[in-house]
Amino acid sequence: MRSHDSKYKIILGFKLKHFRLQADLSLQELARKTGLSFPYISQIEQGKKYPKPEKIALLGQALGKS
């Protein structure tokens, strides 16, 4: 991934964590709502992973975001 692409991972991770905390959900609760593993969600929040669009949609639905 190019260096500017890593910025997108970091921004997405920050936003995901912000919205998760705003919804008062733990990683485990969000994992249960989405069917994704909590270590995977944690890696997204840390900017280590960038999910495919369908997984972003699952996260958005679980958090009430479009």
N, C-alpha and C. Protein backbone atom coordinates (compact mmCIF):
# COMPACT_ATOMS: atom_id res chain seq x y z
N MET A 1 0.84 -1.17 0.00
CA MET A 1 0.00 0.00 0.00
C MET A 1 0.89 1.24 0.00
N ARG A 2 0.53 2.22 -0.77
CA ARG A 2 1.30 3.46 -0.81
C ARG A 2 1.12 4.22 0.49
N SER A 3 2.06 5.13 0.78
CA SER A 3 2.04 5.82 2.06
C SER A 3 0.77 6.63 2.28
N HIS A 4 0.24 7.28 1.22
CA HIS A 4 -0.99 8.04 1.44
C HIS A 4 -2.18 7.12 1.67
N ASP A 5 -2.10 5.88 1.20
CA ASP A 5 -3.18 4.92 1.45
C ASP A 5 -3.24 4.54 2.92
N SER A 6 -2.10 4.54 3.61
CA SER A 6 -2.10 4.21 5.03
C SER A 6 -2.85 5.27 5.83
N LYS A 7 -2.90 6.50 5.32
CA LYS A 7 -3.68 7.55 5.99
C LYS A 7 -5.15 7.16 6.02
N TYR A 8 -5.64 6.56 4.94
CA TYR A 8 -7.04 6.15 4.89
C TYR A 8 -7.34 5.08 5.93
N LYS A 9 -6.40 4.15 6.12
CA LYS A 9 -6.59 3.12 7.13
C LYS A 9 -6.66 3.74 8.52
N ILE A 10 -5.80 4.70 8.78
CA ILE A 10 -5.77 5.35 10.09
C ILE A 10 -7.05 6.16 10.32
N ILE A 11 -7.48 6.89 9.31
CA ILE A 11 -8.70 7.70 9.43
C ILE A 11 -9.92 6.80 9.63
N LEU A 12 -10.03 5.73 8.84
CA LEU A 12 -11.15 4.81 9.00
C LEU A 12 -11.14 4.21 10.40
N GLY A 13 -9.98 3.80 10.86
CA GLY A 13 -9.87 3.21 12.20
C GLY A 13 -10.30 4.18 13.29
N PHE A 14 -9.87 5.43 13.17
CA PHE A 14 -10.25 6.45 14.14
C PHE A 14 -11.75 6.65 14.14
N LYS A 15 -12.33 6.77 12.95
CA LYS A 15 -13.78 6.99 12.84
C LYS A 15 -14.56 5.79 13.38
N LEU A 16 -14.12 4.59 13.04
CA LEU A 16 -14.79 3.39 13.52
C LEU A 16 -14.80 3.34 15.04
N LYS A 17 -13.66 3.59 15.65
CA LYS A 17 -13.58 3.56 17.11
C LYS A 17 -14.46 4.67 17.71
N HIS A 18 -14.42 5.85 17.12
CA HIS A 18 -15.24 6.96 17.60
C HIS A 18 -16.72 6.59 17.58
N PHE A 19 -17.20 6.07 16.45
CA PHE A 19 -18.61 5.70 16.33
C PHE A 19 -18.97 4.53 17.24
N ARG A 20 -18.05 3.58 17.41
CA ARG A 20 -18.31 2.44 18.30
C ARG A 20 -18.47 2.91 19.74
N LEU A 21 -17.57 3.79 20.17
CA LEU A 21 -17.65 4.31 21.54
C LEU A 21 -18.88 5.19 21.71
N GLN A 22 -19.20 5.95 20.69
CA GLN A 22 -20.39 6.80 20.72
C GLN A 22 -21.66 5.94 20.88
N ALA A 23 -21.65 4.76 20.27
CA ALA A 23 -22.78 3.83 20.37
C ALA A 23 -22.71 3.01 21.65
N ASP A 24 -21.68 3.24 22.46
CA ASP A 24 -21.47 2.52 23.72
C ASP A 24 -21.40 1.01 23.51
N LEU A 25 -20.62 0.61 22.49
CA LEU A 25 -20.42 -0.81 22.18
C LEU A 25 -18.98 -1.22 22.44
N SER A 26 -18.80 -2.40 22.97
CA SER A 26 -17.46 -2.97 23.10
C SER A 26 -17.08 -3.59 21.76
N LEU A 27 -15.81 -3.94 21.62
CA LEU A 27 -15.38 -4.65 20.40
C LEU A 27 -16.16 -5.95 20.24
N GLN A 28 -16.36 -6.66 21.35
CA GLN A 28 -17.07 -7.93 21.29
C GLN A 28 -18.53 -7.73 20.86
N GLU A 29 -19.17 -6.67 21.35
CA GLU A 29 -20.55 -6.41 20.97
C GLU A 29 -20.66 -6.06 19.49
N LEU A 30 -19.73 -5.23 19.01
CA LEU A 30 -19.74 -4.88 17.60
C LEU A 30 -19.45 -6.12 16.74
N ALA A 31 -18.56 -6.95 17.20
CA ALA A 31 -18.26 -8.20 16.48
C ALA A 31 -19.50 -9.07 16.39
N ARG A 32 -20.24 -9.19 17.47
CA ARG A 32 -21.46 -9.99 17.48
C ARG A 32 -22.50 -9.42 16.51
N LYS A 33 -22.62 -8.10 16.48
CA LYS A 33 -23.61 -7.47 15.60
C LYS A 33 -23.26 -7.59 14.12
N THR A 34 -21.97 -7.69 13.81
CA THR A 34 -21.54 -7.71 12.41
C THR A 34 -21.17 -9.09 11.90
N GLY A 35 -20.85 -10.00 12.80
CA GLY A 35 -20.35 -11.31 12.39
C GLY A 35 -18.86 -11.30 12.08
N LEU A 36 -18.21 -10.15 12.33
CA LEU A 36 -16.75 -10.05 12.15
C LEU A 36 -16.07 -10.37 13.47
N SER A 37 -14.83 -10.81 13.43
CA SER A 37 -14.14 -11.13 14.67
C SER A 37 -13.70 -9.84 15.36
N PHE A 38 -13.66 -9.88 16.70
CA PHE A 38 -13.24 -8.67 17.40
C PHE A 38 -11.75 -8.36 17.19
N PRO A 39 -10.86 -9.36 17.00
CA PRO A 39 -9.47 -8.99 16.68
C PRO A 39 -9.37 -8.25 15.34
N TYR A 40 -10.20 -8.65 14.37
CA TYR A 40 -10.21 -8.00 13.06
C TYR A 40 -10.68 -6.55 13.19
N ILE A 41 -11.74 -6.33 13.95
CA ILE A 41 -12.24 -4.97 14.16
C ILE A 41 -11.19 -4.14 14.89
N SER A 42 -10.52 -4.74 15.85
CA SER A 42 -9.45 -4.04 16.57
C SER A 42 -8.33 -3.62 15.63
N GLN A 43 -7.98 -4.50 14.70
CA GLN A 43 -6.92 -4.17 13.73
C GLN A 43 -7.35 -3.04 12.80
N ILE A 44 -8.63 -3.00 12.46
CA ILE A 44 -9.13 -1.88 11.66
C ILE A 44 -9.00 -0.59 12.46
N GLU A 45 -9.42 -0.62 13.72
CA GLU A 45 -9.35 0.57 14.56
C GLU A 45 -7.91 1.05 14.75
N GLN A 46 -6.96 0.13 14.73
CA GLN A 46 -5.55 0.49 14.90
C GLN A 46 -4.91 0.93 13.59
N GLY A 47 -5.65 0.89 12.51
CA GLY A 47 -5.11 1.30 11.22
C GLY A 47 -4.23 0.25 10.57
N LYS A 48 -4.35 -0.99 11.01
CA LYS A 48 -3.54 -2.08 10.46
C LYS A 48 -4.22 -2.79 9.30
N LYS A 49 -5.54 -2.72 9.25
CA LYS A 49 -6.32 -3.39 8.20
C LYS A 49 -7.27 -2.39 7.58
N TYR A 50 -7.58 -2.61 6.30
CA TYR A 50 -8.60 -1.82 5.62
C TYR A 50 -9.59 -2.82 5.04
N PRO A 51 -10.83 -2.82 5.56
CA PRO A 51 -11.80 -3.83 5.13
C PRO A 51 -12.35 -3.59 3.74
N LYS A 52 -12.86 -4.64 3.15
CA LYS A 52 -13.53 -4.56 1.85
C LYS A 52 -14.83 -3.78 2.04
N PRO A 53 -15.35 -3.22 0.94
CA PRO A 53 -16.57 -2.40 1.04
C PRO A 53 -17.75 -3.09 1.72
N GLU A 54 -17.93 -4.39 1.47
CA GLU A 54 -19.06 -5.07 2.10
C GLU A 54 -18.91 -5.15 3.62
N LYS A 55 -17.68 -5.22 4.10
CA LYS A 55 -17.46 -5.25 5.55
C LYS A 55 -17.63 -3.85 6.14
N ILE A 56 -17.25 -2.84 5.38
CA ILE A 56 -17.49 -1.46 5.83
C ILE A 56 -19.00 -1.24 5.95
N ALA A 57 -19.76 -1.77 5.00
CA ALA A 57 -21.22 -1.64 5.04
C ALA A 57 -21.80 -2.33 6.27
N LEU A 58 -21.30 -3.52 6.61
CA LEU A 58 -21.75 -4.22 7.81
C LEU A 58 -21.49 -3.39 9.06
N LEU A 59 -20.30 -2.83 9.15
CA LEU A 59 -19.94 -2.00 10.30
C LEU A 59 -20.84 -0.77 10.37
N GLY A 60 -21.06 -0.14 9.23
CA GLY A 60 -21.93 1.03 9.18
C GLY A 60 -23.35 0.72 9.64
N GLN A 61 -23.88 -0.39 9.16
CA GLN A 61 -25.24 -0.79 9.56
C GLN A 61 -25.32 -1.02 11.07
N ALA A 62 -24.33 -1.72 11.60
CA ALA A 62 -24.33 -2.03 13.03
C ALA A 62 -24.22 -0.77 13.88
N LEU A 63 -23.59 0.26 13.33
CA LEU A 63 -23.40 1.52 14.06
C LEU A 63 -24.44 2.57 13.70
N GLY A 64 -25.35 2.22 12.80
CA GLY A 64 -26.39 3.16 12.40
C GLY A 64 -25.88 4.29 11.53
N LYS A 65 -24.82 4.01 10.76
CA LYS A 65 -24.22 5.01 9.86
C LYS A 65 -24.33 4.53 8.42
N SER A 66 -24.44 5.47 7.51
CA SER A 66 -24.52 5.09 6.09
C SER A 66 -23.14 5.12 5.46
